[in-house]
Amino acid sequence: MTGFTYQYAALHTPARRCKVDAPPKFYPRGGSVSLNIKNEETCRLAGELARLTGETMTGAITVALKQRLQRERRQRGVDARLRRMRAIADRCAKLLSEGGPPVDHGELLYDERGLPK
C-alpha cells in the first residue's frame, strides 16, 4: 500500500513543486536563484526531456533554451537581411523607373547569333 501512496503522490504533486535552479551568475548579488515553474505541462515536458536525454531537468531546460535562442537569433538575422535587401531593391526599382527606356538584357549578354558574349 505504501508504494501505491507514493506513486499516487508523485503523479498528483502540484506543478508549483517543480523547481529549476538557475546558474548563480544570473543573481546580481551572488548566491543562487530558483526558477519556479507553475505550469503543469511545462514541468511534465521538462521532466520527460530530462528522462529521454539522461540530463537533469536544469540541464535539459538549459540546452532547450540555448537551442531556441539560437534559432530565434538566426531567424531575426534572416529577417533583418531580407528587409535590407528589399530596401535595396526598392531603391533600384525607383532609379530604373526614373531613367530612360528599359534595358534589353539580351543585348548585353548575348551576341547576334544568340551565344553568350
N, C-alpha and C. Protein backbone atom coordinates (compact mmCIF):
# COMPACT_ATOMS: atom_id res chain seq x y z
N MET A 1 0.82 -1.20 0.00
CA MET A 1 0.00 0.00 0.00
C MET A 1 0.86 1.26 0.00
N THR A 2 2.02 1.19 0.62
CA THR A 2 2.90 2.35 0.67
C THR A 2 3.35 2.75 -0.73
N GLY A 3 3.72 1.75 -1.57
CA GLY A 3 4.13 2.04 -2.94
C GLY A 3 3.05 2.74 -3.72
N PHE A 4 1.79 2.31 -3.52
CA PHE A 4 0.68 2.94 -4.22
C PHE A 4 0.53 4.40 -3.79
N THR A 5 0.64 4.66 -2.50
CA THR A 5 0.52 6.02 -1.99
C THR A 5 1.62 6.89 -2.56
N TYR A 6 2.85 6.35 -2.62
CA TYR A 6 3.97 7.12 -3.16
C TYR A 6 3.73 7.42 -4.64
N GLN A 7 3.30 6.41 -5.40
CA GLN A 7 3.04 6.63 -6.82
C GLN A 7 1.94 7.66 -7.02
N TYR A 8 0.87 7.54 -6.24
CA TYR A 8 -0.23 8.49 -6.34
C TYR A 8 0.24 9.90 -6.03
N ALA A 9 1.01 10.03 -4.97
CA ALA A 9 1.53 11.34 -4.58
C ALA A 9 2.44 11.91 -5.65
N ALA A 10 3.27 11.05 -6.26
CA ALA A 10 4.18 11.51 -7.30
C ALA A 10 3.42 11.98 -8.53
N LEU A 11 2.33 11.31 -8.86
CA LEU A 11 1.55 11.69 -10.04
C LEU A 11 0.72 12.94 -9.80
N HIS A 12 0.33 13.18 -8.58
CA HIS A 12 -0.57 14.28 -8.28
C HIS A 12 0.10 15.41 -7.50
N THR A 13 1.40 15.52 -7.63
CA THR A 13 2.13 16.61 -6.98
C THR A 13 1.82 17.89 -7.73
N PRO A 14 1.44 18.96 -7.04
CA PRO A 14 1.14 20.22 -7.74
C PRO A 14 2.35 20.72 -8.52
N ALA A 15 2.08 21.38 -9.64
CA ALA A 15 3.15 21.86 -10.51
C ALA A 15 4.05 22.87 -9.81
N ARG A 16 3.55 23.55 -8.80
CA ARG A 16 4.38 24.56 -8.14
C ARG A 16 5.59 23.95 -7.44
N ARG A 17 5.59 22.64 -7.26
CA ARG A 17 6.71 21.98 -6.62
C ARG A 17 7.83 21.67 -7.60
N CYS A 18 7.61 21.97 -8.85
CA CYS A 18 8.63 21.74 -9.88
C CYS A 18 9.53 22.97 -9.92
N LYS A 19 10.70 22.86 -9.33
CA LYS A 19 11.63 23.98 -9.30
C LYS A 19 12.87 23.65 -10.11
N VAL A 20 13.39 24.66 -10.77
CA VAL A 20 14.60 24.50 -11.56
C VAL A 20 15.57 25.59 -11.11
N ASP A 21 16.76 25.18 -10.70
CA ASP A 21 17.75 26.15 -10.24
C ASP A 21 18.46 26.75 -11.44
N ALA A 22 18.57 28.08 -11.44
CA ALA A 22 19.32 28.79 -12.49
C ALA A 22 20.76 28.95 -12.03
N PRO A 23 21.70 29.12 -12.96
CA PRO A 23 23.09 29.34 -12.57
C PRO A 23 23.24 30.58 -11.69
N PRO A 24 24.12 30.55 -10.69
CA PRO A 24 24.28 31.67 -9.77
C PRO A 24 24.65 32.98 -10.45
N LYS A 25 25.29 32.93 -11.63
CA LYS A 25 25.73 34.18 -12.25
C LYS A 25 24.58 35.10 -12.63
N PHE A 26 23.33 34.59 -12.66
CA PHE A 26 22.20 35.43 -13.01
C PHE A 26 21.69 36.23 -11.81
N TYR A 27 22.15 35.90 -10.63
CA TYR A 27 21.72 36.61 -9.43
C TYR A 27 22.71 37.75 -9.19
N PRO A 28 22.24 38.99 -9.17
CA PRO A 28 23.16 40.15 -9.13
C PRO A 28 24.06 40.21 -7.90
N ARG A 29 23.65 39.68 -6.78
CA ARG A 29 24.44 39.80 -5.55
C ARG A 29 25.12 38.49 -5.18
N GLY A 30 25.25 37.59 -6.13
CA GLY A 30 25.83 36.28 -5.82
C GLY A 30 24.76 35.37 -5.23
N GLY A 31 25.11 34.16 -4.93
CA GLY A 31 24.13 33.23 -4.40
C GLY A 31 23.38 32.54 -5.52
N SER A 32 22.31 31.86 -5.18
CA SER A 32 21.58 31.13 -6.21
C SER A 32 20.17 31.68 -6.36
N VAL A 33 19.59 31.34 -7.47
CA VAL A 33 18.25 31.81 -7.83
C VAL A 33 17.45 30.60 -8.27
N SER A 34 16.18 30.57 -8.01
CA SER A 34 15.32 29.47 -8.46
C SER A 34 14.35 29.96 -9.50
N LEU A 35 14.08 29.10 -10.46
CA LEU A 35 13.04 29.36 -11.45
C LEU A 35 11.90 28.44 -11.06
N ASN A 36 10.80 29.01 -10.63
CA ASN A 36 9.67 28.22 -10.17
C ASN A 36 8.68 28.08 -11.31
N ILE A 37 8.56 26.88 -11.87
CA ILE A 37 7.66 26.64 -12.98
C ILE A 37 6.30 26.26 -12.42
N LYS A 38 5.29 27.05 -12.74
CA LYS A 38 3.96 26.81 -12.20
C LYS A 38 3.02 26.21 -13.24
N ASN A 39 3.54 25.90 -14.40
CA ASN A 39 2.73 25.33 -15.46
C ASN A 39 2.95 23.82 -15.47
N GLU A 40 1.88 23.07 -15.28
CA GLU A 40 1.97 21.62 -15.16
C GLU A 40 2.53 20.98 -16.44
N GLU A 41 2.08 21.46 -17.59
CA GLU A 41 2.56 20.89 -18.86
C GLU A 41 4.05 21.15 -19.05
N THR A 42 4.49 22.36 -18.72
CA THR A 42 5.91 22.70 -18.85
C THR A 42 6.76 21.81 -17.95
N CYS A 43 6.31 21.61 -16.74
CA CYS A 43 7.03 20.76 -15.80
C CYS A 43 7.08 19.32 -16.32
N ARG A 44 5.98 18.83 -16.85
CA ARG A 44 5.92 17.48 -17.40
C ARG A 44 6.86 17.34 -18.59
N LEU A 45 6.84 18.33 -19.50
CA LEU A 45 7.71 18.29 -20.68
C LEU A 45 9.18 18.33 -20.29
N ALA A 46 9.52 19.16 -19.32
CA ALA A 46 10.91 19.25 -18.86
C ALA A 46 11.36 17.93 -18.26
N GLY A 47 10.49 17.31 -17.47
CA GLY A 47 10.83 16.02 -16.88
C GLY A 47 10.98 14.93 -17.94
N GLU A 48 10.09 14.93 -18.92
CA GLU A 48 10.18 13.93 -19.99
C GLU A 48 11.46 14.11 -20.80
N LEU A 49 11.79 15.36 -21.13
CA LEU A 49 13.02 15.63 -21.89
C LEU A 49 14.25 15.20 -21.09
N ALA A 50 14.25 15.49 -19.80
CA ALA A 50 15.37 15.10 -18.94
C ALA A 50 15.52 13.58 -18.90
N ARG A 51 14.41 12.87 -18.79
CA ARG A 51 14.48 11.40 -18.76
C ARG A 51 14.98 10.85 -20.09
N LEU A 52 14.50 11.41 -21.21
CA LEU A 52 14.91 10.91 -22.52
C LEU A 52 16.40 11.15 -22.79
N THR A 53 16.90 12.30 -22.36
CA THR A 53 18.28 12.66 -22.64
C THR A 53 19.25 12.21 -21.56
N GLY A 54 18.73 11.82 -20.41
CA GLY A 54 19.59 11.42 -19.30
C GLY A 54 20.21 12.62 -18.60
N GLU A 55 19.70 13.80 -18.85
CA GLU A 55 20.20 15.01 -18.20
C GLU A 55 19.36 15.33 -16.98
N THR A 56 19.83 16.27 -16.20
CA THR A 56 18.99 16.81 -15.13
C THR A 56 17.95 17.71 -15.78
N MET A 57 16.92 18.06 -15.04
CA MET A 57 15.93 18.98 -15.59
C MET A 57 16.57 20.32 -15.92
N THR A 58 17.46 20.77 -15.06
CA THR A 58 18.15 22.03 -15.31
C THR A 58 18.95 21.95 -16.60
N GLY A 59 19.69 20.85 -16.78
CA GLY A 59 20.48 20.68 -17.99
C GLY A 59 19.62 20.62 -19.23
N ALA A 60 18.52 19.86 -19.16
CA ALA A 60 17.63 19.74 -20.31
C ALA A 60 17.01 21.08 -20.68
N ILE A 61 16.60 21.83 -19.68
CA ILE A 61 15.99 23.14 -19.94
C ILE A 61 17.04 24.11 -20.49
N THR A 62 18.25 24.06 -19.95
CA THR A 62 19.32 24.94 -20.43
C THR A 62 19.61 24.69 -21.91
N VAL A 63 19.75 23.42 -22.28
CA VAL A 63 20.03 23.07 -23.68
C VAL A 63 18.86 23.51 -24.57
N ALA A 64 17.64 23.24 -24.13
CA ALA A 64 16.47 23.61 -24.92
C ALA A 64 16.39 25.13 -25.11
N LEU A 65 16.67 25.88 -24.07
CA LEU A 65 16.62 27.34 -24.18
C LEU A 65 17.73 27.87 -25.08
N LYS A 66 18.92 27.29 -24.99
CA LYS A 66 20.02 27.71 -25.86
C LYS A 66 19.68 27.46 -27.32
N GLN A 67 19.11 26.27 -27.59
CA GLN A 67 18.74 25.95 -28.97
C GLN A 67 17.66 26.90 -29.49
N ARG A 68 16.67 27.20 -28.67
CA ARG A 68 15.59 28.11 -29.09
C ARG A 68 16.14 29.51 -29.32
N LEU A 69 17.02 29.98 -28.43
CA LEU A 69 17.62 31.30 -28.62
C LEU A 69 18.44 31.36 -29.91
N GLN A 70 19.17 30.30 -30.19
CA GLN A 70 19.96 30.24 -31.41
C GLN A 70 19.06 30.32 -32.65
N ARG A 71 17.95 29.56 -32.63
CA ARG A 71 17.01 29.61 -33.76
C ARG A 71 16.40 30.99 -33.91
N GLU A 72 15.99 31.61 -32.81
CA GLU A 72 15.37 32.93 -32.85
C GLU A 72 16.35 33.99 -33.36
N ARG A 73 17.58 33.94 -32.87
CA ARG A 73 18.59 34.91 -33.32
C ARG A 73 18.88 34.75 -34.81
N ARG A 74 18.98 33.49 -35.24
CA ARG A 74 19.25 33.22 -36.65
C ARG A 74 18.08 33.73 -37.52
N GLN A 75 16.84 33.46 -37.08
CA GLN A 75 15.68 33.89 -37.84
C GLN A 75 15.59 35.42 -37.89
N ARG A 76 15.87 36.06 -36.77
CA ARG A 76 15.83 37.52 -36.76
C ARG A 76 16.92 38.09 -37.66
N GLY A 77 18.06 37.42 -37.75
CA GLY A 77 19.12 37.85 -38.66
C GLY A 77 18.67 37.72 -40.11
N VAL A 78 17.99 36.63 -40.43
CA VAL A 78 17.46 36.43 -41.79
C VAL A 78 16.42 37.49 -42.10
N ASP A 79 15.54 37.75 -41.15
CA ASP A 79 14.50 38.77 -41.37
C ASP A 79 15.11 40.14 -41.60
N ALA A 80 16.13 40.49 -40.82
CA ALA A 80 16.78 41.79 -40.99
C ALA A 80 17.47 41.87 -42.36
N ARG A 81 18.12 40.78 -42.76
CA ARG A 81 18.79 40.74 -44.07
C ARG A 81 17.77 40.90 -45.20
N LEU A 82 16.62 40.24 -45.08
CA LEU A 82 15.58 40.38 -46.10
C LEU A 82 15.05 41.81 -46.16
N ARG A 83 14.88 42.46 -45.02
CA ARG A 83 14.42 43.86 -45.01
C ARG A 83 15.43 44.75 -45.72
N ARG A 84 16.73 44.54 -45.46
CA ARG A 84 17.75 45.35 -46.12
C ARG A 84 17.76 45.10 -47.63
N MET A 85 17.60 43.83 -48.02
CA MET A 85 17.59 43.51 -49.45
C MET A 85 16.37 44.13 -50.15
N ARG A 86 15.23 44.11 -49.48
CA ARG A 86 14.03 44.73 -50.06
C ARG A 86 14.21 46.24 -50.20
N ALA A 87 14.86 46.86 -49.23
CA ALA A 87 15.10 48.29 -49.31
C ALA A 87 16.01 48.61 -50.50
N ILE A 88 17.03 47.80 -50.71
CA ILE A 88 17.93 48.00 -51.85
C ILE A 88 17.15 47.81 -53.15
N ALA A 89 16.32 46.75 -53.21
CA ALA A 89 15.52 46.51 -54.42
C ALA A 89 14.57 47.66 -54.70
N ASP A 90 13.97 48.21 -53.66
CA ASP A 90 13.06 49.36 -53.84
C ASP A 90 13.81 50.57 -54.39
N ARG A 91 15.02 50.83 -53.84
CA ARG A 91 15.81 51.96 -54.34
C ARG A 91 16.21 51.74 -55.79
N CYS A 92 16.60 50.52 -56.14
CA CYS A 92 16.99 50.21 -57.53
C CYS A 92 15.79 50.36 -58.46
N ALA A 93 14.65 49.86 -58.05
CA ALA A 93 13.44 49.97 -58.88
C ALA A 93 13.08 51.43 -59.12
N LYS A 94 13.24 52.25 -58.10
CA LYS A 94 12.95 53.66 -58.24
C LYS A 94 13.91 54.30 -59.24
N LEU A 95 15.19 53.99 -59.14
CA LEU A 95 16.18 54.54 -60.06
C LEU A 95 15.92 54.09 -61.49
N LEU A 96 15.56 52.84 -61.69
CA LEU A 96 15.29 52.33 -63.03
C LEU A 96 14.02 52.94 -63.63
N SER A 97 13.03 53.18 -62.80
CA SER A 97 11.79 53.75 -63.32
C SER A 97 11.95 55.22 -63.68
N GLU A 98 12.91 55.90 -63.06
CA GLU A 98 13.15 57.31 -63.37
C GLU A 98 13.99 57.48 -64.64
N GLY A 99 14.74 56.44 -65.01
CA GLY A 99 15.63 56.52 -66.16
C GLY A 99 14.87 56.43 -67.47
N GLY A 100 15.63 56.21 -68.55
CA GLY A 100 15.06 56.14 -69.88
C GLY A 100 14.38 54.80 -70.14
N PRO A 101 14.46 54.35 -71.38
CA PRO A 101 13.79 53.11 -71.76
C PRO A 101 14.41 51.92 -71.05
N PRO A 102 13.64 50.85 -70.89
CA PRO A 102 14.17 49.67 -70.22
C PRO A 102 15.33 49.07 -70.99
N VAL A 103 16.23 48.45 -70.27
CA VAL A 103 17.42 47.85 -70.87
C VAL A 103 17.08 46.42 -71.32
N ASP A 104 17.49 46.07 -72.55
CA ASP A 104 17.31 44.71 -73.03
C ASP A 104 18.53 43.90 -72.61
N HIS A 105 18.34 43.05 -71.64
CA HIS A 105 19.45 42.27 -71.11
C HIS A 105 20.03 41.31 -72.14
N GLY A 106 19.21 40.89 -73.07
CA GLY A 106 19.69 40.00 -74.12
C GLY A 106 20.79 40.63 -74.94
N GLU A 107 20.68 41.93 -75.20
CA GLU A 107 21.72 42.64 -75.96
C GLU A 107 23.02 42.71 -75.18
N LEU A 108 22.92 42.80 -73.86
CA LEU A 108 24.11 42.89 -73.03
C LEU A 108 24.81 41.54 -72.88
N LEU A 109 24.03 40.47 -72.84
CA LEU A 109 24.59 39.17 -72.52
C LEU A 109 24.90 38.28 -73.72
N TYR A 110 24.20 38.50 -74.83
CA TYR A 110 24.34 37.59 -75.98
C TYR A 110 24.72 38.34 -77.25
N ASP A 111 25.43 37.66 -78.14
CA ASP A 111 25.81 38.28 -79.42
C ASP A 111 24.66 38.10 -80.43
N GLU A 112 24.91 38.51 -81.69
CA GLU A 112 23.87 38.48 -82.71
C GLU A 112 23.41 37.06 -83.07
N ARG A 113 24.22 36.04 -82.75
CA ARG A 113 23.83 34.65 -83.03
C ARG A 113 23.15 33.99 -81.83
N GLY A 114 23.00 34.72 -80.72
CA GLY A 114 22.36 34.18 -79.54
C GLY A 114 23.30 33.45 -78.61
N LEU A 115 24.58 33.59 -78.83
CA LEU A 115 25.57 32.93 -77.96
C LEU A 115 26.05 33.92 -76.90
N PRO A 116 26.43 33.39 -75.75
CA PRO A 116 26.92 34.28 -74.70
C PRO A 116 28.15 35.04 -75.16
N LYS A 117 28.23 36.29 -74.74
CA LYS A 117 29.38 37.14 -75.08
C LYS A 117 30.58 36.77 -74.25
